[in-house]
Amino acid sequence: MADVTDVLNRTGARTGEAAGVITDARDRVDALDDRIIGLVQERMAVSAVIQQARMESGGRRVNLSREMEVLGRYRDALGKPGTSLAMTLLELCRGRV
């Protein structure tokens, strides 16, 4: 019984069935988070290549018009919170060269 109570407490569920659904869904979320983190790291590496090439050609590290495109793309797809997400991604990807 202690195991069931522990699972219910960890999930916030009130039934074993709901706890099972929540546990399975959390496992999926964790797997998705792992993939998202990997994709962000890949994006950071690709951004570093772009920045390096731009700077080696005499350009600036950051291209503000491109960043505005990225912000708009995320906003259009995800709404206002998408803009915050894009800003965070851009921040992570800047200045890594």
N, C-alpha and C. Protein backbone atom coordinates (compact mmCIF):
# COMPACT_ATOMS: atom_id res chain seq x y z
N MET A 1 0.82 -1.21 0.00
CA MET A 1 0.00 0.00 0.00
C MET A 1 0.86 1.26 0.00
N ALA A 2 2.03 1.20 0.65
CA ALA A 2 2.92 2.36 0.71
C ALA A 2 3.38 2.75 -0.69
N ASP A 3 3.61 1.75 -1.58
CA ASP A 3 4.04 2.05 -2.93
C ASP A 3 2.95 2.81 -3.70
N VAL A 4 1.71 2.36 -3.56
CA VAL A 4 0.59 3.02 -4.23
C VAL A 4 0.44 4.44 -3.71
N THR A 5 0.51 4.62 -2.41
CA THR A 5 0.39 5.95 -1.81
C THR A 5 1.51 6.85 -2.30
N ASP A 6 2.73 6.31 -2.40
CA ASP A 6 3.86 7.08 -2.90
C ASP A 6 3.63 7.55 -4.33
N VAL A 7 3.15 6.64 -5.18
CA VAL A 7 2.87 6.99 -6.59
C VAL A 7 1.78 8.05 -6.67
N LEU A 8 0.74 7.88 -5.87
CA LEU A 8 -0.35 8.86 -5.87
C LEU A 8 0.18 10.22 -5.41
N ASN A 9 1.01 10.23 -4.39
CA ASN A 9 1.56 11.50 -3.91
C ASN A 9 2.46 12.15 -4.96
N ARG A 10 3.30 11.36 -5.62
CA ARG A 10 4.23 11.92 -6.62
C ARG A 10 3.50 12.47 -7.83
N THR A 11 2.38 11.88 -8.18
CA THR A 11 1.66 12.31 -9.38
C THR A 11 0.56 13.33 -9.09
N GLY A 12 0.12 13.38 -7.84
CA GLY A 12 -1.00 14.25 -7.50
C GLY A 12 -2.33 13.65 -7.89
N ALA A 13 -2.31 12.40 -8.35
CA ALA A 13 -3.54 11.72 -8.76
C ALA A 13 -4.29 11.20 -7.54
N ARG A 14 -5.54 10.89 -7.77
CA ARG A 14 -6.36 10.35 -6.68
C ARG A 14 -6.74 8.90 -6.91
N THR A 15 -6.40 8.38 -8.10
CA THR A 15 -6.67 6.97 -8.38
C THR A 15 -5.42 6.35 -8.99
N GLY A 16 -5.33 5.04 -8.86
CA GLY A 16 -4.21 4.33 -9.46
C GLY A 16 -4.20 4.46 -10.97
N GLU A 17 -5.38 4.44 -11.57
CA GLU A 17 -5.48 4.57 -13.03
C GLU A 17 -4.93 5.92 -13.49
N ALA A 18 -5.35 6.97 -12.82
CA ALA A 18 -4.86 8.31 -13.18
C ALA A 18 -3.36 8.41 -12.95
N ALA A 19 -2.87 7.82 -11.88
CA ALA A 19 -1.43 7.84 -11.59
C ALA A 19 -0.66 7.15 -12.70
N GLY A 20 -1.21 6.05 -13.22
CA GLY A 20 -0.55 5.35 -14.32
C GLY A 20 -0.50 6.19 -15.58
N VAL A 21 -1.60 6.85 -15.89
CA VAL A 21 -1.64 7.74 -17.06
C VAL A 21 -0.62 8.85 -16.91
N ILE A 22 -0.59 9.46 -15.73
CA ILE A 22 0.33 10.57 -15.47
C ILE A 22 1.78 10.10 -15.55
N THR A 23 2.08 8.96 -14.95
CA THR A 23 3.44 8.44 -14.98
C THR A 23 3.89 8.17 -16.41
N ASP A 24 3.03 7.53 -17.22
CA ASP A 24 3.37 7.26 -18.61
C ASP A 24 3.56 8.56 -19.40
N ALA A 25 2.68 9.51 -19.18
CA ALA A 25 2.78 10.79 -19.89
C ALA A 25 4.04 11.54 -19.47
N ARG A 26 4.38 11.48 -18.21
CA ARG A 26 5.62 12.15 -17.75
C ARG A 26 6.85 11.51 -18.37
N ASP A 27 6.82 10.19 -18.54
CA ASP A 27 7.93 9.51 -19.21
C ASP A 27 8.07 10.02 -20.65
N ARG A 28 6.94 10.20 -21.32
CA ARG A 28 6.96 10.74 -22.69
C ARG A 28 7.48 12.18 -22.70
N VAL A 29 7.03 12.99 -21.74
CA VAL A 29 7.51 14.37 -21.64
C VAL A 29 9.01 14.40 -21.41
N ASP A 30 9.50 13.54 -20.54
CA ASP A 30 10.94 13.49 -20.28
C ASP A 30 11.72 13.12 -21.55
N ALA A 31 11.19 12.17 -22.32
CA ALA A 31 11.85 11.79 -23.58
C ALA A 31 11.81 12.94 -24.57
N LEU A 32 10.69 13.64 -24.64
CA LEU A 32 10.60 14.82 -25.51
C LEU A 32 11.58 15.90 -25.08
N ASP A 33 11.68 16.14 -23.78
CA ASP A 33 12.62 17.13 -23.27
C ASP A 33 14.05 16.77 -23.66
N ASP A 34 14.39 15.49 -23.57
CA ASP A 34 15.73 15.06 -23.99
C ASP A 34 15.98 15.38 -25.46
N ARG A 35 14.97 15.13 -26.30
CA ARG A 35 15.11 15.44 -27.72
C ARG A 35 15.21 16.94 -27.97
N ILE A 36 14.39 17.72 -27.25
CA ILE A 36 14.42 19.17 -27.39
C ILE A 36 15.79 19.71 -26.99
N ILE A 37 16.33 19.24 -25.89
CA ILE A 37 17.66 19.68 -25.45
C ILE A 37 18.70 19.36 -26.50
N GLY A 38 18.64 18.17 -27.06
CA GLY A 38 19.57 17.79 -28.13
C GLY A 38 19.43 18.68 -29.35
N LEU A 39 18.21 19.01 -29.71
CA LEU A 39 17.98 19.89 -30.86
C LEU A 39 18.48 21.31 -30.59
N VAL A 40 18.29 21.80 -29.37
CA VAL A 40 18.80 23.12 -29.01
C VAL A 40 20.32 23.13 -29.09
N GLN A 41 20.95 22.08 -28.60
CA GLN A 41 22.41 22.00 -28.67
C GLN A 41 22.88 21.96 -30.13
N GLU A 42 22.15 21.24 -30.97
CA GLU A 42 22.48 21.20 -32.40
C GLU A 42 22.30 22.58 -33.02
N ARG A 43 21.22 23.28 -32.65
CA ARG A 43 20.97 24.63 -33.16
C ARG A 43 22.10 25.56 -32.76
N MET A 44 22.57 25.43 -31.52
CA MET A 44 23.68 26.27 -31.05
C MET A 44 24.93 26.03 -31.89
N ALA A 45 25.21 24.79 -32.22
CA ALA A 45 26.39 24.47 -33.02
C ALA A 45 26.27 25.03 -34.43
N VAL A 46 25.10 24.91 -35.03
CA VAL A 46 24.89 25.44 -36.38
C VAL A 46 24.97 26.97 -36.36
N SER A 47 24.41 27.59 -35.35
CA SER A 47 24.49 29.05 -35.22
C SER A 47 25.93 29.51 -35.10
N ALA A 48 26.75 28.75 -34.38
CA ALA A 48 28.17 29.10 -34.24
C ALA A 48 28.86 29.08 -35.59
N VAL A 49 28.52 28.12 -36.44
CA VAL A 49 29.10 28.05 -37.79
C VAL A 49 28.71 29.29 -38.59
N ILE A 50 27.45 29.65 -38.51
CA ILE A 50 26.95 30.83 -39.24
C ILE A 50 27.65 32.09 -38.75
N GLN A 51 27.74 32.25 -37.43
CA GLN A 51 28.38 33.44 -36.86
C GLN A 51 29.85 33.52 -37.26
N GLN A 52 30.52 32.40 -37.21
CA GLN A 52 31.94 32.37 -37.57
C GLN A 52 32.13 32.78 -39.02
N ALA A 53 31.33 32.23 -39.90
CA ALA A 53 31.44 32.56 -41.33
C ALA A 53 31.13 34.04 -41.56
N ARG A 54 30.12 34.54 -40.88
CA ARG A 54 29.75 35.94 -41.04
C ARG A 54 30.88 36.85 -40.57
N MET A 55 31.46 36.54 -39.40
CA MET A 55 32.52 37.39 -38.85
C MET A 55 33.80 37.28 -39.70
N GLU A 56 34.12 36.10 -40.18
CA GLU A 56 35.30 35.94 -41.01
C GLU A 56 35.18 36.70 -42.32
N SER A 57 33.96 36.93 -42.76
CA SER A 57 33.75 37.69 -44.00
C SER A 57 33.67 39.19 -43.74
N GLY A 58 33.86 39.59 -42.48
CA GLY A 58 33.83 41.01 -42.13
C GLY A 58 32.49 41.48 -41.61
N GLY A 59 31.55 40.57 -41.47
CA GLY A 59 30.24 40.95 -40.97
C GLY A 59 30.16 40.91 -39.45
N ARG A 60 28.99 41.23 -38.96
CA ARG A 60 28.75 41.21 -37.52
C ARG A 60 28.31 39.82 -37.09
N ARG A 61 28.52 39.52 -35.84
CA ARG A 61 28.14 38.21 -35.32
C ARG A 61 26.63 38.00 -35.40
N VAL A 62 25.85 39.04 -35.08
CA VAL A 62 24.39 38.93 -35.02
C VAL A 62 23.77 39.67 -36.20
N ASN A 63 22.77 39.03 -36.81
CA ASN A 63 22.02 39.64 -37.90
C ASN A 63 20.61 39.91 -37.38
N LEU A 64 20.37 41.16 -37.02
CA LEU A 64 19.10 41.50 -36.35
C LEU A 64 17.88 41.24 -37.22
N SER A 65 17.98 41.45 -38.53
CA SER A 65 16.81 41.19 -39.38
C SER A 65 16.48 39.69 -39.38
N ARG A 66 17.49 38.85 -39.36
CA ARG A 66 17.26 37.41 -39.28
C ARG A 66 16.63 37.04 -37.93
N GLU A 67 17.10 37.66 -36.86
CA GLU A 67 16.53 37.38 -35.55
C GLU A 67 15.06 37.78 -35.50
N MET A 68 14.72 38.87 -36.17
CA MET A 68 13.31 39.29 -36.21
C MET A 68 12.47 38.25 -36.96
N GLU A 69 13.03 37.66 -38.02
CA GLU A 69 12.33 36.59 -38.74
C GLU A 69 12.07 35.40 -37.82
N VAL A 70 13.08 35.02 -37.05
CA VAL A 70 12.95 33.90 -36.12
C VAL A 70 11.87 34.21 -35.08
N LEU A 71 11.92 35.41 -34.51
CA LEU A 71 10.92 35.80 -33.51
C LEU A 71 9.51 35.72 -34.09
N GLY A 72 9.34 36.22 -35.30
CA GLY A 72 8.03 36.19 -35.96
C GLY A 72 7.55 34.77 -36.22
N ARG A 73 8.46 33.92 -36.62
CA ARG A 73 8.11 32.52 -36.90
C ARG A 73 7.60 31.83 -35.65
N TYR A 74 8.30 32.01 -34.55
CA TYR A 74 7.87 31.39 -33.29
C TYR A 74 6.58 32.01 -32.78
N ARG A 75 6.45 33.32 -32.89
CA ARG A 75 5.21 34.00 -32.45
C ARG A 75 4.02 33.49 -33.26
N ASP A 76 4.21 33.39 -34.59
CA ASP A 76 3.10 32.93 -35.44
C ASP A 76 2.70 31.50 -35.12
N ALA A 77 3.67 30.66 -34.79
CA ALA A 77 3.38 29.25 -34.52
C ALA A 77 2.87 29.00 -33.11
N LEU A 78 3.35 29.79 -32.13
CA LEU A 78 3.07 29.48 -30.73
C LEU A 78 2.41 30.61 -29.94
N GLY A 79 2.16 31.72 -30.59
CA GLY A 79 1.57 32.85 -29.89
C GLY A 79 2.63 33.63 -29.12
N LYS A 80 2.16 34.51 -28.25
CA LYS A 80 3.08 35.37 -27.50
C LYS A 80 4.17 34.60 -26.75
N PRO A 81 3.84 33.47 -26.08
CA PRO A 81 4.92 32.73 -25.41
C PRO A 81 6.00 32.24 -26.38
N GLY A 82 5.63 32.07 -27.64
CA GLY A 82 6.61 31.66 -28.64
C GLY A 82 7.71 32.69 -28.81
N THR A 83 7.36 33.96 -28.67
CA THR A 83 8.35 35.02 -28.76
C THR A 83 9.37 34.89 -27.63
N SER A 84 8.90 34.60 -26.44
CA SER A 84 9.82 34.42 -25.30
C SER A 84 10.72 33.21 -25.52
N LEU A 85 10.14 32.14 -26.04
CA LEU A 85 10.93 30.95 -26.33
C LEU A 85 12.00 31.26 -27.37
N ALA A 86 11.63 31.97 -28.42
CA ALA A 86 12.59 32.33 -29.47
C ALA A 86 13.69 33.23 -28.91
N MET A 87 13.33 34.16 -28.05
CA MET A 87 14.34 35.03 -27.44
C MET A 87 15.35 34.21 -26.64
N THR A 88 14.86 33.24 -25.91
CA THR A 88 15.75 32.37 -25.14
C THR A 88 16.66 31.58 -26.06
N LEU A 89 16.11 31.03 -27.13
CA LEU A 89 16.94 30.29 -28.09
C LEU A 89 17.99 31.20 -28.71
N LEU A 90 17.59 32.38 -29.11
CA LEU A 90 18.54 33.31 -29.71
C LEU A 90 19.65 33.67 -28.72
N GLU A 91 19.27 33.89 -27.48
CA GLU A 91 20.26 34.20 -26.46
C GLU A 91 21.25 33.05 -26.28
N LEU A 92 20.73 31.83 -26.26
CA LEU A 92 21.60 30.66 -26.13
C LEU A 92 22.57 30.53 -27.31
N CYS A 93 22.13 30.96 -28.46
CA CYS A 93 22.91 30.76 -29.68
C CYS A 93 23.84 31.93 -30.02
N ARG A 94 23.73 33.02 -29.32
CA ARG A 94 24.59 34.18 -29.60
C ARG A 94 25.92 34.05 -28.90
N GLY A 95 26.94 34.55 -29.54
CA GLY A 95 28.22 34.74 -28.89
C GLY A 95 28.95 33.48 -28.50
N ARG A 96 28.68 32.40 -29.15
CA ARG A 96 29.35 31.14 -28.84
C ARG A 96 30.62 30.95 -29.66
N VAL A 97 30.89 31.90 -30.52
CA VAL A 97 32.07 31.77 -31.40
C VAL A 97 33.31 32.20 -30.66
